[in-house]
Amino acid sequence: MDKEIIFVVEEDPEGGYSAKALGYSIFTQGETIQELKENIKDALLCHFNYESDIPKVIRLHIVKEEVLAYA
């Protein structure tokens, strides 16, 4: 059992946020960061067979993409 799980969080172009777990087939979305956190917990309950298998630490790696033009 892993002690932590890492999610890469990105802003969706249409609005809201998406999260993908590294090393697991877990993906979820939310309109706000708070909603996303709740949806991540729900997705973990769906993915793992037993609640005791869910890693106790959930790390969110929030990625914000910016475009910079060099002129």
N, C-alpha and C. Protein backbone atom coordinates (compact mmCIF):
# COMPACT_ATOMS: atom_id res chain seq x y z
N MET A 1 0.85 -1.19 0.00
CA MET A 1 0.00 0.00 0.00
C MET A 1 0.89 1.25 0.00
N ASP A 2 0.60 2.17 -0.90
CA ASP A 2 1.31 3.44 -0.94
C ASP A 2 0.83 4.34 0.20
N LYS A 3 1.76 5.15 0.71
CA LYS A 3 1.41 6.06 1.80
C LYS A 3 0.82 7.37 1.29
N GLU A 4 1.10 7.69 0.01
CA GLU A 4 0.54 8.90 -0.56
C GLU A 4 0.23 8.69 -2.03
N ILE A 5 -0.64 9.55 -2.52
CA ILE A 5 -1.00 9.54 -3.93
C ILE A 5 -0.92 10.99 -4.42
N ILE A 6 -0.42 11.16 -5.63
CA ILE A 6 -0.24 12.50 -6.18
C ILE A 6 -1.19 12.70 -7.35
N PHE A 7 -1.88 13.82 -7.34
CA PHE A 7 -2.75 14.22 -8.43
C PHE A 7 -2.17 15.46 -9.10
N VAL A 8 -2.14 15.45 -10.44
CA VAL A 8 -1.79 16.64 -11.20
C VAL A 8 -3.10 17.37 -11.48
N VAL A 9 -3.18 18.61 -11.05
CA VAL A 9 -4.39 19.42 -11.18
C VAL A 9 -4.12 20.52 -12.21
N GLU A 10 -5.03 20.65 -13.16
CA GLU A 10 -4.91 21.68 -14.19
C GLU A 10 -6.24 22.41 -14.33
N GLU A 11 -6.16 23.69 -14.70
CA GLU A 11 -7.37 24.44 -15.03
C GLU A 11 -7.86 23.99 -16.39
N ASP A 12 -9.15 23.75 -16.52
CA ASP A 12 -9.74 23.38 -17.80
C ASP A 12 -10.00 24.64 -18.62
N PRO A 13 -9.77 24.59 -19.93
CA PRO A 13 -10.03 25.76 -20.77
C PRO A 13 -11.49 26.21 -20.71
N GLU A 14 -12.42 25.27 -20.51
CA GLU A 14 -13.85 25.60 -20.45
C GLU A 14 -14.27 26.08 -19.07
N GLY A 15 -13.36 26.04 -18.10
CA GLY A 15 -13.67 26.42 -16.72
C GLY A 15 -13.58 25.23 -15.80
N GLY A 16 -13.30 25.49 -14.55
CA GLY A 16 -13.16 24.42 -13.57
C GLY A 16 -11.77 23.82 -13.59
N TYR A 17 -11.65 22.65 -12.97
CA TYR A 17 -10.36 21.99 -12.81
C TYR A 17 -10.48 20.50 -13.10
N SER A 18 -9.38 19.90 -13.53
CA SER A 18 -9.33 18.45 -13.72
C SER A 18 -8.14 17.92 -12.94
N ALA A 19 -8.25 16.68 -12.49
CA ALA A 19 -7.18 16.05 -11.72
C ALA A 19 -6.95 14.63 -12.22
N LYS A 20 -5.68 14.26 -12.39
CA LYS A 20 -5.30 12.91 -12.82
C LYS A 20 -4.26 12.39 -11.85
N ALA A 21 -4.49 11.19 -11.34
CA ALA A 21 -3.56 10.57 -10.40
C ALA A 21 -2.35 10.02 -11.15
N LEU A 22 -1.19 10.21 -10.59
CA LEU A 22 0.03 9.64 -11.17
C LEU A 22 0.15 8.18 -10.74
N GLY A 23 0.26 7.29 -11.73
CA GLY A 23 0.41 5.87 -11.44
C GLY A 23 -0.88 5.11 -11.23
N TYR A 24 -2.00 5.79 -11.33
CA TYR A 24 -3.31 5.15 -11.17
C TYR A 24 -4.25 5.64 -12.27
N SER A 25 -5.26 4.86 -12.57
CA SER A 25 -6.27 5.26 -13.55
C SER A 25 -7.41 5.97 -12.84
N ILE A 26 -7.09 7.12 -12.27
CA ILE A 26 -8.09 7.91 -11.54
C ILE A 26 -8.09 9.31 -12.14
N PHE A 27 -9.27 9.76 -12.56
CA PHE A 27 -9.44 11.08 -13.15
C PHE A 27 -10.76 11.65 -12.66
N THR A 28 -10.75 12.95 -12.32
CA THR A 28 -11.99 13.59 -11.90
C THR A 28 -11.92 15.08 -12.20
N GLN A 29 -13.06 15.75 -12.05
CA GLN A 29 -13.16 17.17 -12.34
C GLN A 29 -13.98 17.87 -11.27
N GLY A 30 -13.88 19.20 -11.24
CA GLY A 30 -14.69 20.00 -10.33
C GLY A 30 -14.71 21.45 -10.78
N GLU A 31 -15.77 22.16 -10.45
CA GLU A 31 -15.89 23.57 -10.84
C GLU A 31 -14.97 24.46 -10.00
N THR A 32 -14.76 24.10 -8.74
CA THR A 32 -13.89 24.84 -7.84
C THR A 32 -12.85 23.88 -7.26
N ILE A 33 -11.82 24.42 -6.64
CA ILE A 33 -10.81 23.56 -6.01
C ILE A 33 -11.46 22.76 -4.88
N GLN A 34 -12.35 23.38 -4.11
CA GLN A 34 -13.01 22.66 -3.02
C GLN A 34 -13.85 21.50 -3.54
N GLU A 35 -14.60 21.74 -4.62
CA GLU A 35 -15.40 20.67 -5.22
C GLU A 35 -14.49 19.57 -5.77
N LEU A 36 -13.38 19.98 -6.37
CA LEU A 36 -12.42 19.00 -6.90
C LEU A 36 -11.88 18.11 -5.79
N LYS A 37 -11.56 18.68 -4.65
CA LYS A 37 -11.05 17.90 -3.51
C LYS A 37 -12.07 16.85 -3.08
N GLU A 38 -13.34 17.23 -3.01
CA GLU A 38 -14.39 16.28 -2.63
C GLU A 38 -14.53 15.19 -3.69
N ASN A 39 -14.45 15.58 -4.97
CA ASN A 39 -14.55 14.60 -6.05
C ASN A 39 -13.35 13.65 -6.07
N ILE A 40 -12.19 14.14 -5.70
CA ILE A 40 -11.02 13.26 -5.59
C ILE A 40 -11.25 12.20 -4.52
N LYS A 41 -11.77 12.60 -3.39
CA LYS A 41 -12.06 11.64 -2.31
C LYS A 41 -13.08 10.59 -2.78
N ASP A 42 -14.11 11.04 -3.48
CA ASP A 42 -15.12 10.12 -4.02
C ASP A 42 -14.50 9.16 -5.04
N ALA A 43 -13.62 9.70 -5.91
CA ALA A 43 -12.97 8.86 -6.92
C ALA A 43 -12.07 7.82 -6.28
N LEU A 44 -11.41 8.18 -5.19
CA LEU A 44 -10.56 7.21 -4.48
C LEU A 44 -11.40 6.07 -3.89
N LEU A 45 -12.56 6.43 -3.35
CA LEU A 45 -13.46 5.39 -2.81
C LEU A 45 -13.94 4.44 -3.90
N CYS A 46 -14.14 4.97 -5.11
CA CYS A 46 -14.57 4.13 -6.23
C CYS A 46 -13.43 3.26 -6.76
N HIS A 47 -12.21 3.78 -6.73
CA HIS A 47 -11.07 3.08 -7.33
C HIS A 47 -10.57 1.93 -6.46
N PHE A 48 -10.43 2.18 -5.17
CA PHE A 48 -9.88 1.16 -4.26
C PHE A 48 -10.99 0.28 -3.71
N ASN A 49 -10.70 -1.01 -3.59
CA ASN A 49 -11.70 -1.96 -3.10
C ASN A 49 -12.05 -1.74 -1.64
N TYR A 50 -11.06 -1.33 -0.85
CA TYR A 50 -11.25 -1.15 0.58
C TYR A 50 -10.77 0.24 0.98
N GLU A 51 -11.50 0.88 1.86
CA GLU A 51 -11.11 2.21 2.32
C GLU A 51 -9.73 2.19 2.97
N SER A 52 -9.38 1.07 3.59
CA SER A 52 -8.07 0.96 4.23
C SER A 52 -6.92 0.95 3.21
N ASP A 53 -7.22 0.69 1.93
CA ASP A 53 -6.20 0.69 0.88
C ASP A 53 -5.90 2.10 0.34
N ILE A 54 -6.75 3.06 0.66
CA ILE A 54 -6.56 4.41 0.15
C ILE A 54 -5.38 5.06 0.87
N PRO A 55 -4.43 5.61 0.10
CA PRO A 55 -3.29 6.29 0.74
C PRO A 55 -3.80 7.41 1.66
N LYS A 56 -3.14 7.58 2.77
CA LYS A 56 -3.58 8.57 3.77
C LYS A 56 -3.23 10.00 3.37
N VAL A 57 -2.21 10.17 2.53
CA VAL A 57 -1.81 11.51 2.09
C VAL A 57 -2.18 11.66 0.62
N ILE A 58 -2.94 12.71 0.32
CA ILE A 58 -3.33 13.03 -1.05
C ILE A 58 -2.64 14.35 -1.39
N ARG A 59 -1.70 14.29 -2.29
CA ARG A 59 -0.93 15.48 -2.67
C ARG A 59 -1.46 16.02 -4.00
N LEU A 60 -1.74 17.33 -4.03
CA LEU A 60 -2.21 17.97 -5.25
C LEU A 60 -1.08 18.81 -5.82
N HIS A 61 -0.67 18.49 -7.03
CA HIS A 61 0.34 19.26 -7.74
C HIS A 61 -0.42 20.14 -8.73
N ILE A 62 -0.60 21.41 -8.37
CA ILE A 62 -1.42 22.31 -9.17
C ILE A 62 -0.53 22.98 -10.22
N VAL A 63 -0.89 22.74 -11.49
CA VAL A 63 -0.12 23.24 -12.63
C VAL A 63 -0.89 24.39 -13.25
N LYS A 64 -0.22 25.51 -13.38
CA LYS A 64 -0.84 26.66 -14.06
C LYS A 64 0.02 26.99 -15.26
N GLU A 65 -0.58 26.90 -16.41
CA GLU A 65 0.15 27.14 -17.66
C GLU A 65 -0.02 28.59 -18.07
N GLU A 66 1.09 29.23 -18.40
CA GLU A 66 1.07 30.59 -18.92
C GLU A 66 1.89 30.62 -20.19
N VAL A 67 1.47 31.45 -21.13
CA VAL A 67 2.17 31.60 -22.39
C VAL A 67 2.85 32.98 -22.37
N LEU A 68 4.11 32.97 -22.67
CA LEU A 68 4.89 34.20 -22.71
C LEU A 68 5.45 34.37 -24.11
N ALA A 69 5.17 35.51 -24.72
CA ALA A 69 5.68 35.78 -26.06
C ALA A 69 6.98 36.57 -25.94
N TYR A 70 7.97 36.14 -26.66
CA TYR A 70 9.25 36.84 -26.69
C TYR A 70 9.31 37.66 -27.97
N ALA A 71 9.33 38.97 -27.81
CA ALA A 71 9.35 39.82 -29.01
C ALA A 71 10.37 40.92 -28.85
